Amino acid sequence: MKSESNQLPAIKITDVWVHYDGISALEAIDFEIPQLDFLGIIGPNGGGKTTLLKTLIGLVKPSRGKIAILGEPPARAHSLIGYVPQVSTFDRQYPIDAWDAVMMGRLSISRIFRPYNRNDRALTAEALERVGMLDLKTRQIGKLSGGQVQRVLIARALAARPKILLLDEPTSSVDSEAEKGLYELLHELNAEQTIVIVSHDIGVISSHVKSIACLNRKLYHHGSKDLTPEVIEAVYGCPVDLIAHGTPHRVLKKHGYNRGKHD
């Protein structure tokens, strides 16, 4: 028999609204993500995707509504979630090597001002090995490729041993070969962790994830990765053919959606 904790949804969002200066960024978000799901979130630039991730980790407070992370509010769920920001927001000029960058992931677990211990170092090494970066642990961040930096950021999140990984545009600054490797890594991680990934690349993401949600202030989520024309029209404001399983760039472009102009 499954334990009660295994029966909880990984994330449960109930009627969540977020406002900035009186303007709604998220409206009536209401959905659940089961444990070990691999969810892709797509939507137009300014549609609230990054805001949603920041709300889940407690950086943005909802105007109203409730969020539960494995049954806990975001303020008490820091150790349950690993957050991987966009590479473009990470300062690659900062004088730090891969090892120290990943070790920082233990700060959310270790007491502030307490020295790192043997367990912290062991988990840092384990995380770097998991993403294939242990051999480059002494390499300065600024000398790594975009794909390697992204793996370091994932390792930093893994060092905290989270149950859930949230990734914001993880392939936006990498080439196609690195992108393929990152998705292979995410598939391996998904055996043990729930994964939520924000992406603008509908064609690629639909061939990798288990389910897709479309977000443009309001969220459309039906527990699958098949996107109907009605959903795409509601989100992007343009009628398109069925988009799933890797078809869509030329179809979206035909109707005014240009890759790279949406977050």
C-alpha atoms as a PDB file:
ATOM      1  CA  MET A   1       0.000   0.000   0.000  1.00  0.00           C
ATOM      2  CA  LYS A   2       1.272   3.460  -0.853  1.00  0.00           C
ATOM      3  CA  SER A   3       2.064   5.810   1.975  1.00  0.00           C
ATOM      4  CA  GLU A   4       0.035   8.986   2.393  1.00  0.00           C
ATOM      5  CA  SER A   5       3.003  11.070   1.208  1.00  0.00           C
ATOM      6  CA  ASN A   6       3.134   9.126  -2.070  1.00  0.00           C
ATOM      7  CA  GLN A   7      -0.541   9.870  -2.670  1.00  0.00           C
ATOM      8  CA  LEU A   8      -0.108  13.643  -2.363  1.00  0.00           C
ATOM      9  CA  PRO A   9       0.204  15.646  -5.581  1.00  0.00           C
ATOM     10  CA  ALA A  10       3.689  17.035  -6.103  1.00  0.00           C
ATOM     11  CA  ILE A  11       2.158  20.492  -6.578  1.00  0.00           C
ATOM     12  CA  LYS A  12      -1.412  21.629  -5.958  1.00  0.00           C
ATOM     13  CA  ILE A  13      -2.474  25.142  -6.943  1.00  0.00           C
ATOM     14  CA  THR A  14      -5.914  26.372  -5.936  1.00  0.00           C
ATOM     15  CA  ASP A  15      -7.381  29.600  -7.365  1.00  0.00           C
ATOM     16  CA  VAL A  16      -4.040  31.434  -7.380  1.00  0.00           C
ATOM     17  CA  TRP A  17      -3.921  35.053  -8.551  1.00  0.00           C
ATOM     18  CA  VAL A  18      -0.831  37.259  -8.772  1.00  0.00           C
ATOM     19  CA  HIS A  19      -0.907  41.016  -9.350  1.00  0.00           C
ATOM     20  CA  TYR A  20       1.875  43.514 -10.041  1.00  0.00           C
ATOM     21  CA  ASP A  21       0.847  47.116  -9.347  1.00  0.00           C
ATOM     22  CA  GLY A  22      -2.785  46.176  -9.730  1.00  0.00           C
ATOM     23  CA  ILE A  23      -2.263  44.357 -13.049  1.00  0.00           C
ATOM     24  CA  SER A  24      -2.900  40.606 -13.078  1.00  0.00           C
ATOM     25  CA  ALA A  25       0.040  38.392 -14.015  1.00  0.00           C
ATOM     26  CA  LEU A  26      -1.714  35.125 -13.123  1.00  0.00           C
ATOM     27  CA  GLU A  27      -5.469  34.607 -13.013  1.00  0.00           C
ATOM     28  CA  ALA A  28      -7.408  31.788 -11.328  1.00  0.00           C
ATOM     29  CA  ILE A  29      -4.647  29.175 -11.675  1.00  0.00           C
ATOM     30  CA  ASP A  30      -6.104  25.889 -10.508  1.00  0.00           C
ATOM     31  CA  PHE A  31      -4.407  22.547 -11.216  1.00  0.00           C
ATOM     32  CA  GLU A  32      -2.443  19.618  -9.799  1.00  0.00           C
ATOM     33  CA  ILE A  33       0.823  18.024 -10.862  1.00  0.00           C
ATOM     34  CA  PRO A  34       1.144  14.362  -9.826  1.00  0.00           C
ATOM     35  CA  GLN A  35       4.376  13.025  -8.425  1.00  0.00           C
ATOM     36  CA  LEU A  36       6.930  11.991 -11.074  1.00  0.00           C
ATOM     37  CA  ASP A  37       5.168  13.927 -13.813  1.00  0.00           C
ATOM     38  CA  PHE A  38       7.318  15.639 -16.458  1.00  0.00           C
ATOM     39  CA  LEU A  39       5.331  18.791 -17.211  1.00  0.00           C
ATOM     40  CA  GLY A  40       6.169  21.324 -19.899  1.00  0.00           C
ATOM     41  CA  ILE A  41       4.733  24.851 -19.607  1.00  0.00           C
ATOM     42  CA  ILE A  42       4.479  26.907 -22.785  1.00  0.00           C
ATOM     43  CA  GLY A  43       2.970  30.289 -23.543  1.00  0.00           C
ATOM     44  CA  PRO A  44       3.675  33.755 -24.973  1.00  0.00           C
ATOM     45  CA  ASN A  45       6.179  36.255 -23.653  1.00  0.00           C
ATOM     46  CA  GLY A  46       4.712  38.014 -20.620  1.00  0.00           C
ATOM     47  CA  GLY A  47       2.188  35.229 -20.095  1.00  0.00           C
ATOM     48  CA  GLY A  48       3.358  34.540 -16.546  1.00  0.00           C
ATOM     49  CA  LYS A  49       5.505  31.408 -16.884  1.00  0.00           C
ATOM     50  CA  THR A  50       8.471  32.668 -14.856  1.00  0.00           C
ATOM     51  CA  THR A  51       6.081  34.321 -12.399  1.00  0.00           C
ATOM     52  CA  LEU A  52       4.434  30.948 -11.830  1.00  0.00           C
ATOM     53  CA  LEU A  53       7.779  29.285 -11.073  1.00  0.00           C
ATOM     54  CA  LYS A  54       8.733  32.082  -8.671  1.00  0.00           C
ATOM     55  CA  THR A  55       5.367  31.748  -6.963  1.00  0.00           C
ATOM     56  CA  LEU A  56       5.953  28.026  -6.465  1.00  0.00           C
ATOM     57  CA  ILE A  57       9.301  28.641  -4.738  1.00  0.00           C
ATOM     58  CA  GLY A  58       7.938  31.464  -2.600  1.00  0.00           C
ATOM     59  CA  LEU A  59       9.708  34.411  -4.267  1.00  0.00           C
ATOM     60  CA  VAL A  60       6.356  35.860  -5.361  1.00  0.00           C
ATOM     61  CA  LYS A  61       3.394  35.890  -2.993  1.00  0.00           C
ATOM     62  CA  PRO A  62      -0.040  35.282  -4.520  1.00  0.00           C
ATOM     63  CA  SER A  63      -2.674  37.984  -4.165  1.00  0.00           C
ATOM     64  CA  ARG A  64      -5.031  35.158  -3.266  1.00  0.00           C
ATOM     65  CA  GLY A  65      -5.233  31.401  -3.497  1.00  0.00           C
ATOM     66  CA  LYS A  66      -3.274  28.494  -2.064  1.00  0.00           C
ATOM     67  CA  ILE A  67      -0.210  26.500  -3.113  1.00  0.00           C
ATOM     68  CA  ALA A  68       0.829  23.151  -1.636  1.00  0.00           C
ATOM     69  CA  ILE A  69       4.188  21.519  -2.379  1.00  0.00           C
ATOM     70  CA  LEU A  70       3.815  17.878  -1.353  1.00  0.00           C
ATOM     71  CA  GLY A  71       1.278  19.157   1.150  1.00  0.00           C
ATOM     72  CA  GLU A  72       3.448  22.024   2.454  1.00  0.00           C
ATOM     73  CA  PRO A  73       3.171  25.783   1.747  1.00  0.00           C
ATOM     74  CA  PRO A  74       6.082  27.235  -0.281  1.00  0.00           C
ATOM     75  CA  ALA A  75       7.537  28.912   2.827  1.00  0.00           C
ATOM     76  CA  ARG A  76       8.107  25.475   4.383  1.00  0.00           C
ATOM     77  CA  ALA A  77       8.963  23.589   1.200  1.00  0.00           C
ATOM     78  CA  HIS A  78      12.355  25.059   0.255  1.00  0.00           C
ATOM     79  CA  SER A  79      14.106  21.724   0.711  1.00  0.00           C
ATOM     80  CA  LEU A  80      11.570  19.975  -1.528  1.00  0.00           C
ATOM     81  CA  ILE A  81      12.143  22.103  -4.642  1.00  0.00           C
ATOM     82  CA  GLY A  82      15.217  22.663  -6.770  1.00  0.00           C
ATOM     83  CA  TYR A  83      15.056  25.753  -9.013  1.00  0.00           C
ATOM     84  CA  VAL A  84      17.157  26.078 -12.174  1.00  0.00           C
ATOM     85  CA  PRO A  85      17.084  29.636 -13.583  1.00  0.00           C
ATOM     86  CA  GLN A  86      17.825  30.621 -17.161  1.00  0.00           C
ATOM     87  CA  VAL A  87      21.525  30.543 -18.041  1.00  0.00           C
ATOM     88  CA  SER A  88      21.164  34.113 -19.348  1.00  0.00           C
ATOM     89  CA  THR A  89      20.382  35.322 -15.819  1.00  0.00           C
ATOM     90  CA  PHE A  90      23.483  33.666 -14.326  1.00  0.00           C
ATOM     91  CA  ASP A  91      26.606  35.837 -14.047  1.00  0.00           C
ATOM     92  CA  ARG A  92      29.282  33.827 -15.835  1.00  0.00           C
ATOM     93  CA  GLN A  93      31.902  36.450 -15.007  1.00  0.00           C
ATOM     94  CA  TYR A  94      31.636  35.671 -11.305  1.00  0.00           C
ATOM     95  CA  PRO A  95      34.987  34.150 -10.207  1.00  0.00           C
ATOM     96  CA  ILE A  96      33.754  30.755  -9.065  1.00  0.00           C
ATOM     97  CA  ASP A  97      34.412  27.216 -10.232  1.00  0.00           C
ATOM     98  CA  ALA A  98      31.857  24.483 -10.892  1.00  0.00           C
ATOM     99  CA  TRP A  99      32.450  22.790  -7.526  1.00  0.00           C
ATOM    100  CA  ASP A 100      31.785  25.924  -5.473  1.00  0.00           C
ATOM    101  CA  ALA A 101      28.746  26.825  -7.581  1.00  0.00           C
ATOM    102  CA  VAL A 102      27.189  23.429  -6.901  1.00  0.00           C
ATOM    103  CA  MET A 103      28.207  23.506  -3.228  1.00  0.00           C
ATOM    104  CA  MET A 104      26.052  26.632  -2.894  1.00  0.00           C
ATOM    105  CA  GLY A 105      23.065  24.353  -3.366  1.00  0.00           C
ATOM    106  CA  ARG A 106      23.743  22.997   0.107  1.00  0.00           C
ATOM    107  CA  LEU A 107      23.191  26.428   1.675  1.00  0.00           C
ATOM    108  CA  SER A 108      19.448  25.848   1.746  1.00  0.00           C
ATOM    109  CA  ILE A 109      20.082  22.735   3.828  1.00  0.00           C
ATOM    110  CA  SER A 110      23.065  23.772   5.942  1.00  0.00           C
ATOM    111  CA  ARG A 111      22.703  26.302   8.731  1.00  0.00           C
ATOM    112  CA  ILE A 112      23.768  29.809   7.786  1.00  0.00           C
ATOM    113  CA  PHE A 113      27.423  30.470   8.695  1.00  0.00           C
ATOM    114  CA  ARG A 114      28.009  26.795   9.473  1.00  0.00           C
ATOM    115  CA  PRO A 115      30.989  25.328   7.562  1.00  0.00           C
ATOM    116  CA  TYR A 116      30.289  22.739   4.923  1.00  0.00           C
ATOM    117  CA  ASN A 117      30.707  19.206   6.243  1.00  0.00           C
ATOM    118  CA  ARG A 118      31.618  15.832   4.782  1.00  0.00           C
ATOM    119  CA  ASN A 119      28.022  15.133   3.791  1.00  0.00           C
ATOM    120  CA  ASP A 120      27.768  18.440   1.924  1.00  0.00           C
ATOM    121  CA  ARG A 121      30.926  17.621  -0.029  1.00  0.00           C
ATOM    122  CA  ALA A 122      29.756  14.084  -0.785  1.00  0.00           C
ATOM    123  CA  LEU A 123      26.390  15.317  -2.110  1.00  0.00           C
ATOM    124  CA  THR A 124      28.115  17.997  -4.193  1.00  0.00           C
ATOM    125  CA  ALA A 125      30.337  15.365  -5.804  1.00  0.00           C
ATOM    126  CA  GLU A 126      27.333  13.095  -6.342  1.00  0.00           C
ATOM    127  CA  ALA A 127      25.366  15.899  -8.044  1.00  0.00           C
ATOM    128  CA  LEU A 128      28.269  16.814 -10.341  1.00  0.00           C
ATOM    129  CA  GLU A 129      28.770  13.178 -11.283  1.00  0.00           C
ATOM    130  CA  ARG A 130      25.044  12.788 -11.964  1.00  0.00           C
ATOM    131  CA  VAL A 131      25.144  15.554 -14.584  1.00  0.00           C
ATOM    132  CA  GLY A 132      28.486  14.455 -16.052  1.00  0.00           C
ATOM    133  CA  MET A 133      30.490  17.439 -14.763  1.00  0.00           C
ATOM    134  CA  LEU A 134      32.654  15.961 -11.998  1.00  0.00           C
ATOM    135  CA  ASP A 135      35.763  15.946 -14.206  1.00  0.00           C
ATOM    136  CA  LEU A 136      35.306  19.701 -14.743  1.00  0.00           C
ATOM    137  CA  LYS A 137      34.689  20.573 -11.096  1.00  0.00           C
ATOM    138  CA  THR A 138      37.671  22.965 -10.920  1.00  0.00           C
ATOM    139  CA  ARG A 139      36.817  24.752 -14.184  1.00  0.00           C
ATOM    140  CA  GLN A 140      35.788  28.379 -13.767  1.00  0.00           C
ATOM    141  CA  ILE A 141      32.149  28.987 -14.712  1.00  0.00           C
ATOM    142  CA  GLY A 142      33.071  31.599 -17.302  1.00  0.00           C
ATOM    143  CA  LYS A 143      35.143  29.043 -19.222  1.00  0.00           C
ATOM    144  CA  LEU A 144      32.330  26.517 -19.568  1.00  0.00           C
ATOM    145  CA  SER A 145      30.020  26.212 -22.552  1.00  0.00           C
ATOM    146  CA  GLY A 146      26.336  27.124 -22.270  1.00  0.00           C
ATOM    147  CA  GLY A 147      25.357  23.474 -22.002  1.00  0.00           C
ATOM    148  CA  GLN A 148      27.976  22.832 -19.315  1.00  0.00           C
ATOM    149  CA  VAL A 149      26.809  25.834 -17.290  1.00  0.00           C
ATOM    150  CA  GLN A 150      23.254  24.533 -17.502  1.00  0.00           C
ATOM    151  CA  ARG A 151      24.400  21.163 -16.160  1.00  0.00           C
ATOM    152  CA  VAL A 152      26.185  22.920 -13.280  1.00  0.00           C
ATOM    153  CA  LEU A 153      22.983  24.802 -12.446  1.00  0.00           C
ATOM    154  CA  ILE A 154      21.033  21.540 -12.472  1.00  0.00           C
ATOM    155  CA  ALA A 155      23.676  19.955 -10.235  1.00  0.00           C
ATOM    156  CA  ARG A 156      23.386  22.905  -7.828  1.00  0.00           C
ATOM    157  CA  ALA A 157      19.660  22.213  -7.556  1.00  0.00           C
ATOM    158  CA  LEU A 158      20.237  18.459  -7.159  1.00  0.00           C
ATOM    159  CA  ALA A 159      22.731  18.992  -4.329  1.00  0.00           C
ATOM    160  CA  ALA A 160      19.826  19.857  -2.044  1.00  0.00           C
ATOM    161  CA  ARG A 161      18.214  16.446  -2.807  1.00  0.00           C
ATOM    162  CA  PRO A 162      14.879  17.957  -3.915  1.00  0.00           C
ATOM    163  CA  LYS A 163      11.745  16.014  -4.783  1.00  0.00           C
ATOM    164  CA  ILE A 164      10.761  18.501  -7.508  1.00  0.00           C
ATOM    165  CA  LEU A 165      12.850  20.288 -10.163  1.00  0.00           C
ATOM    166  CA  LEU A 166      11.663  23.551 -11.728  1.00  0.00           C
ATOM    167  CA  LEU A 167      13.593  24.642 -14.832  1.00  0.00           C
ATOM    168  CA  ASP A 168      13.177  27.991 -16.597  1.00  0.00           C
ATOM    169  CA  GLU A 169      14.124  27.774 -20.310  1.00  0.00           C
ATOM    170  CA  PRO A 170      16.966  25.277 -19.707  1.00  0.00           C
ATOM    171  CA  THR A 171      17.842  24.939 -23.399  1.00  0.00           C
ATOM    172  CA  SER A 172      17.600  28.600 -24.448  1.00  0.00           C
ATOM    173  CA  SER A 173      21.391  29.153 -24.504  1.00  0.00           C
ATOM    174  CA  VAL A 174      22.630  25.779 -25.734  1.00  0.00           C
ATOM    175  CA  ASP A 175      23.218  24.182 -29.126  1.00  0.00           C
ATOM    176  CA  SER A 176      21.182  21.264 -30.461  1.00  0.00           C
ATOM    177  CA  GLU A 177      23.631  18.608 -29.264  1.00  0.00           C
ATOM    178  CA  ALA A 178      23.688  20.021 -25.739  1.00  0.00           C
ATOM    179  CA  GLU A 179      19.895  20.298 -25.834  1.00  0.00           C
ATOM    180  CA  LYS A 180      19.610  16.608 -26.681  1.00  0.00           C
ATOM    181  CA  GLY A 181      21.944  15.727 -23.808  1.00  0.00           C
ATOM    182  CA  LEU A 182      20.009  17.870 -21.344  1.00  0.00           C
ATOM    183  CA  TYR A 183      16.712  16.213 -22.207  1.00  0.00           C
ATOM    184  CA  GLU A 184      18.326  12.782 -21.844  1.00  0.00           C
ATOM    185  CA  LEU A 185      19.532  13.855 -18.399  1.00  0.00           C
ATOM    186  CA  LEU A 186      16.081  15.143 -17.450  1.00  0.00           C
ATOM    187  CA  HIS A 187      14.514  11.838 -18.488  1.00  0.00           C
ATOM    188  CA  GLU A 188      16.920  10.021 -16.167  1.00  0.00           C
ATOM    189  CA  LEU A 189      16.162  12.414 -13.298  1.00  0.00           C
ATOM    190  CA  ASN A 190      12.424  12.028 -13.873  1.00  0.00           C
ATOM    191  CA  ALA A 191      12.624   8.458 -12.594  1.00  0.00           C
ATOM    192  CA  GLU A 192      13.067   9.934  -9.112  1.00  0.00           C
ATOM    193  CA  GLN A 193      11.885  13.530  -9.330  1.00  0.00           C
ATOM    194  CA  THR A 194       8.913  15.492 -10.562  1.00  0.00           C
ATOM    195  CA  ILE A 195      10.042  17.891 -13.289  1.00  0.00           C
ATOM    196  CA  VAL A 196       8.411  21.130 -14.430  1.00  0.00           C
ATOM    197  CA  ILE A 197      10.066  22.836 -17.378  1.00  0.00           C
ATOM    198  CA  VAL A 198       9.227  26.204 -18.951  1.00  0.00           C
ATOM    199  CA  SER A 199      10.033  26.434 -22.649  1.00  0.00           C
ATOM    200  CA  HIS A 200       9.171  28.454 -25.768  1.00  0.00           C
ATOM    201  CA  ASP A 201      10.025  25.510 -28.042  1.00  0.00           C
ATOM    202  CA  ILE A 202       6.694  23.743 -28.485  1.00  0.00           C
ATOM    203  CA  GLY A 203       7.939  21.269 -31.089  1.00  0.00           C
ATOM    204  CA  VAL A 204      10.867  19.978 -29.062  1.00  0.00           C
ATOM    205  CA  ILE A 205       9.209  19.997 -25.674  1.00  0.00           C
ATOM    206  CA  SER A 206       6.154  18.071 -26.848  1.00  0.00           C
ATOM    207  CA  SER A 207       8.347  15.134 -27.867  1.00  0.00           C
ATOM    208  CA  HIS A 208       9.974  14.876 -24.432  1.00  0.00           C
ATOM    209  CA  VAL A 209       7.472  15.660 -21.677  1.00  0.00           C
ATOM    210  CA  LYS A 210       4.584  13.623 -20.315  1.00  0.00           C
ATOM    211  CA  SER A 211       2.112  16.513 -20.214  1.00  0.00           C
ATOM    212  CA  ILE A 212       1.866  20.135 -21.347  1.00  0.00           C
ATOM    213  CA  ALA A 213       0.225  23.177 -19.790  1.00  0.00           C
ATOM    214  CA  CYS A 214      -0.378  26.387 -21.746  1.00  0.00           C
ATOM    215  CA  LEU A 215      -0.147  29.631 -19.781  1.00  0.00           C
ATOM    216  CA  ASN A 216      -1.165  33.144 -20.742  1.00  0.00           C
ATOM    217  CA  ARG A 217      -2.201  34.562 -17.375  1.00  0.00           C
ATOM    218  CA  LYS A 218      -4.788  31.761 -17.309  1.00  0.00           C
ATOM    219  CA  LEU A 219      -3.637  28.164 -17.444  1.00  0.00           C
ATOM    220  CA  TYR A 220      -4.887  25.356 -19.685  1.00  0.00           C
ATOM    221  CA  HIS A 221      -3.929  21.877 -18.498  1.00  0.00           C
ATOM    222  CA  HIS A 222      -5.591  18.566 -19.315  1.00  0.00           C
ATOM    223  CA  GLY A 223      -3.004  16.085 -18.096  1.00  0.00           C
ATOM    224  CA  SER A 224      -1.694  15.181 -21.558  1.00  0.00           C
ATOM    225  CA  LYS A 225       0.669  16.629 -24.163  1.00  0.00           C
ATOM    226  CA  ASP A 226      -1.839  16.870 -26.990  1.00  0.00           C
ATOM    227  CA  LEU A 227      -2.592  20.513 -27.740  1.00  0.00           C
ATOM    228  CA  THR A 228      -5.849  21.223 -29.513  1.00  0.00           C
ATOM    229  CA  PRO A 229      -6.314  24.163 -31.881  1.00  0.00           C
ATOM    230  CA  GLU A 230      -8.769  25.646 -29.388  1.00  0.00           C
ATOM    231  CA  VAL A 231      -6.177  25.707 -26.607  1.00  0.00           C
ATOM    232  CA  ILE A 232      -3.483  27.249 -28.831  1.00  0.00           C
ATOM    233  CA  GLU A 233      -5.921  29.883 -30.071  1.00  0.00           C
ATOM    234  CA  ALA A 234      -6.934  30.720 -26.501  1.00  0.00           C
ATOM    235  CA  VAL A 235      -3.310  31.068 -25.386  1.00  0.00           C
ATOM    236  CA  TYR A 236      -1.651  32.666 -28.409  1.00  0.00           C
ATOM    237  CA  GLY A 237      -4.632  34.385 -29.935  1.00  0.00           C
ATOM    238  CA  CYS A 238      -4.213  32.731 -33.331  1.00  0.00           C
ATOM    239  CA  PRO A 239      -5.860  29.677 -34.901  1.00  0.00           C
ATOM    240  CA  VAL A 240      -3.410  26.850 -35.624  1.00  0.00           C
ATOM    241  CA  ASP A 241      -3.541  23.204 -36.569  1.00  0.00           C
ATOM    242  CA  LEU A 242      -3.095  20.482 -33.971  1.00  0.00           C
ATOM    243  CA  ILE A 243       0.310  20.903 -32.369  1.00  0.00           C
ATOM    244  CA  ALA A 244       1.844  17.863 -30.732  1.00  0.00           C
ATOM    245  CA  HIS A 245       4.630  15.366 -31.172  1.00  0.00           C
ATOM    246  CA  GLY A 246       7.079  17.753 -32.807  1.00  0.00           C
ATOM    247  CA  THR A 247       5.264  19.376 -35.733  1.00  0.00           C
ATOM    248  CA  PRO A 248       4.694  22.982 -35.109  1.00  0.00           C
ATOM    249  CA  HIS A 249       7.264  25.656 -35.981  1.00  0.00           C
ATOM    250  CA  ARG A 250       6.171  26.229 -39.549  1.00  0.00           C
ATOM    251  CA  VAL A 251       2.502  26.122 -38.503  1.00  0.00           C
ATOM    252  CA  LEU A 252       2.994  28.674 -35.752  1.00  0.00           C
ATOM    253  CA  LYS A 253       5.058  30.915 -37.997  1.00  0.00           C
ATOM    254  CA  LYS A 254       2.271  30.838 -40.572  1.00  0.00           C
ATOM    255  CA  HIS A 255      -0.057  32.277 -37.960  1.00  0.00           C
ATOM    256  CA  GLY A 256       2.287  34.912 -36.574  1.00  0.00           C
ATOM    257  CA  TYR A 257       4.210  33.038 -33.878  1.00  0.00           C
ATOM    258  CA  ASN A 258       7.977  33.514 -34.282  1.00  0.00           C
ATOM    259  CA  ARG A 259      10.364  31.370 -32.301  1.00  0.00           C
ATOM    260  CA  GLY A 260      12.558  33.454 -30.018  1.00  0.00           C
ATOM    261  CA  LYS A 261       9.960  36.184 -29.432  1.00  0.00           C
ATOM    262  CA  HIS A 262       8.216  34.254 -26.674  1.00  0.00           C
ATOM    263  CA  ASP A 263       9.689  33.332 -23.338  1.00  0.00           C
END
